[in-house]
Every structure is written in C-alpha cells, then in structure tokens.
C-alpha cells in the first residue's frame, strides 16, 4: 500500500500534529550535554555483584559528614545585607539567610535510599536519627555550611516579573561524594528569604508530596531531573487559597530536601542583564561554564556560543524526553493559566521562549559575528527537538533503521490517540506486549483496554496495516525481540494526577501508605508489579478520580 493512500485528511492533520508537537515545558535550569537515554538508575539489587562494595564506606552518622558553601561564596559576590527582610537585592548572586525551623511536631514521611546511599554516602540507618530530621527540616545546619538564597529574575506567563529569587528555598551546601560528584542540597519550604515577596516561605504537604514523587518518577524513567532526598511534614499551619477562588484554608507545612548538580537557571543571568550588571554577568557565566560545562573551554573567545549551543541541545533533549512519556505538570497544570500557556502541547514552544530569553541575555557579550551564529543556533533548536522526538517515538514503536514513512506513522498514531482520548502510557505499553499475530487478526485481549479504546477509531485498522508492514522492514528482528525492546522504553507505570491526588488525600489524614507504595512502584516503572496492579495503576482512571480538582498552588 502506498504510504498514506486513502487518508488525505489524516495526512494533513497528522503532519500538523507533529508541527504542533515540534513547536511543547519550560526548561529553566541549565543542562550539561544530554546523557545517553536508558532506563535510569534502577533500585539497588542487594543480591547482585558489587552490592557489598557499594555499601562499604557508607557513613553511619552525620558526625563526620560535611557540606561546604565555599565553592560558591568564595567565587561569587554575596548580598552585604544580612538581615532577613523582603527587599530588592542588587550586585550579588546570593543572600545569606538561615532556614526558619518549624514550631510544632515534625515527621519524616519519606526518604530516598538511592539518594542517601549512592549520592550522599550515608547508610539508610542515618535517616532514623534525630540529627537527620533536624538537617532535612532546616532546624540544624551542618558545620561549615553557609545557607544561601539565590537571586534571580524571570517571566511568569510570558511577562517579565522582575526579581523572583528563592522565596522559600535555602541552598544549605555542596556535597562531594565518593565518586567525585558535586551535588547542591536545597531545602524547599524552609521559610522566608529576601525574595519571598508576599509569600510566607512555606510549602504545603500536597505540593511537597507531588514534588518528591515526581522527582523519583522522572529519575527512574531515565529523564534528567533534580532528585529528592526526603519529605518532612509538620503540624505548623499554612494558609492557602488552593483554587484561587477566595476560599483560604489551613494546611500543613512541609519541606523537601532536593539535590541538583546546580540550581543556577536562565533567570540567574536575566536579572543581571536586566539591571545592567554586565561585569557580574560575565563573572557568573564564566563560573557556570567552568563548573558545569566541562566540554566548553572557559578561555575560548567563543565560549558563550559553545555554552549556548549546549543549553539549546540539552533543552531539546529534556523536553523530547518529557514528551516521550507524556509528561507535563498536567494537561493545563495551573488553575491560573487562563491562556493554557503551559499545557502539554506547548512544552517545546516554552522551551524556545526560554532559550530566546537566554540569547537576549548573551547578546551584549557577543560581537556581531557571534550574534549571527547564536541566532542560527537558536533556529536549530526546532530541528534538534524534532530529531530527538522522532528517535524516542520510533523506539517506543520498536522501529529500527530509517524509513520514509516513519514520521507519518508516529503522527497517525498520536492523532488516533488524541481523537479517542486513549491513555498515553498504556497504549504504548500494550503495543509493547501484544504480538504481531494478535494485531494482524485484530485479536486484542480484553486486558489490553487501552488498545480496545483505540480500536474503536475507524482508521485504527489502517494504522495497524501500516505498522505491521513497517515492522517487517526491521532487519534481523523477531517479534519477541521487538516486544522486549519496546517494554524497556515504554513504562507500565507513570505518576498520574489521580494517583498523586489519592496519595495526597490519604497523607492529609496522616496515612502515608500510598506515598510509600507509589515511591516503590515508580522505582521500577518498566516491570509489572503485583502491588501496583492491585492498586489499579495500570488500569483506566477510576470514576472517583475523574472529577478531582487538582491545583498546583503550594
């Protein structure tokens, strides 16, 4: 059959769909060169080779464990005003400000063993100590650490919002682990800073549960992300207007200790350019390049171009990675997002928006020829994103090699999924599990509910015909190898809103069992798990969850 024969309308709409996807989140943190895509770091196998070696040398207490802020405050200027009150901050990168401890009882709700042992070199038993909960709640600062709040600016809903900064976060130090990796530890929800504006510096339980679980989920899916070490909840009251409707309610305060290689972002540079602090802008750029972009020569006259190229490439990779698992905060993530600016279909567009703002920051530091080259690099973002997007989705469909109709085949399927409102995760997972013979005979087992829904679309049989024909062109392949390959990149479990909301509602009643269950399930997203199946995590969204009102206010 000729590619696309008989489907002129679908050919047009399918191409348009790819164009929309080409041109969808916002990647605000800097990325180094993108890593190879894999399955992420799977949970430690306690019976596997090297387990004893990994456990050897783990600290059994926080007594000899240390953090340092010297690498930041020794190289970059700090706000000379030490008082903690909201103000405009100028000519510096950080403000020194201490976390505000909770006043009431605290409880350690969750901890990541992977982060604790493989990143921070601490045995899991340390998490049971009082010193640990004091550290991860912000009650106690490790000796040698200077807590810092970042100064940065940026845009909200496409409009310049001026100074933003860490309004409820404290960077409590840098840890260099036994592998030589440097990780910056930051508390979120730990109290007011000079950047708090009208906020109270706190985070609430529901948003903190979501952040902890989302960090775990993305990591084990192999997607670049910050990590979360711990989640602490208190009995301190925090007042929030959950749905921005004037109904202010008392909630419980919580703190997440999270880690990243760097917490610098595009806004860290934007605020300097906005106020004409160009010498400090150069200083920060050179620092960022030297510390976080080892492939860029900080002495090279074209270093800012090379840096920009890295960020463009990393952003394209990151957002294509998100899209490959259907990830966004939500379809429309924020109830105040009237323009639907942050919906999933705009993720790549917002990435382009951010990169354009970065280019505006760099322009004063570039000569005319460099500006021209930088513009060309930005124009290339769409091609980079499209290339990554195609690579991911071809792998999700088990396609090997390059064929002319591959773009159309992907777009055709995505359109069918959109029109039938098919479940993204389970459609691809069930395509990974069903045999070619079953597809050919349209013998779809009852448990393949997502494909059952998709098959109701009148053009589904046409797509299957094209798909099976394309699979035949895979050289030296078999159906069993195809299914094994696809199940390694198509997760069975992802963190969906209804799952997170169910966990949140139980947590608000001091039942953290579902938080713990989700954490365990999300650590093995590609493997079928009996507990996850019993909880319905690979089933259609339950009726009770369909009308959930989910807000991202925190």
Foldseek 3Di string as FASTA:
>chain_A
DPVCPPPVVLLVVLVVLLVLLLLFAADWAFDAFDDDFFQFDFDDDCVDPPNVVLLPQFDAECPPAAFAPCLPCVQWPEFPDQDFAADDTDDTFKYFDAFDADPFDKDWQDFDQCCRRVPRRHHPNHCVDPVNVCPQRRVDAGPNWTKIKGWFWDDDLRHTPAIATQQQKIFRGWGQDPVRAIKIKMKQQRAGGNRNVPHGSFDFDLLQLVVQLQQLLCNSLRADDKHWGTKMWGQDWDWDPFLPPPDIDTGTTMMIIIMDSDPDTLRSLLNCLVVVVVVSSLSVVLSCCVRPHVVADSPDLLRVLVSLLRRLLSLLLNLLSCVLQPDFCAQQAASPSPVSCRGRSHNSSSNLVSSVSSLVSCVVVDDPVSNVSSVVSSVCSSVSNSVNNLVSVCLLLLFDDDDPCSSVLSSSLVVLCVVLVADPQLVSLVSLVDFLVCLLVVVRDPVSPSVVSSVVPPCPNVSNVVSSVRVVPPPPDDRVRSSVSNLRNRFLAGDDPLLSVVQSVCVSVVRNVSSVVSSVCSSCRSDDDPVCVVVVRNHPDDPVSPPDDHHSDD
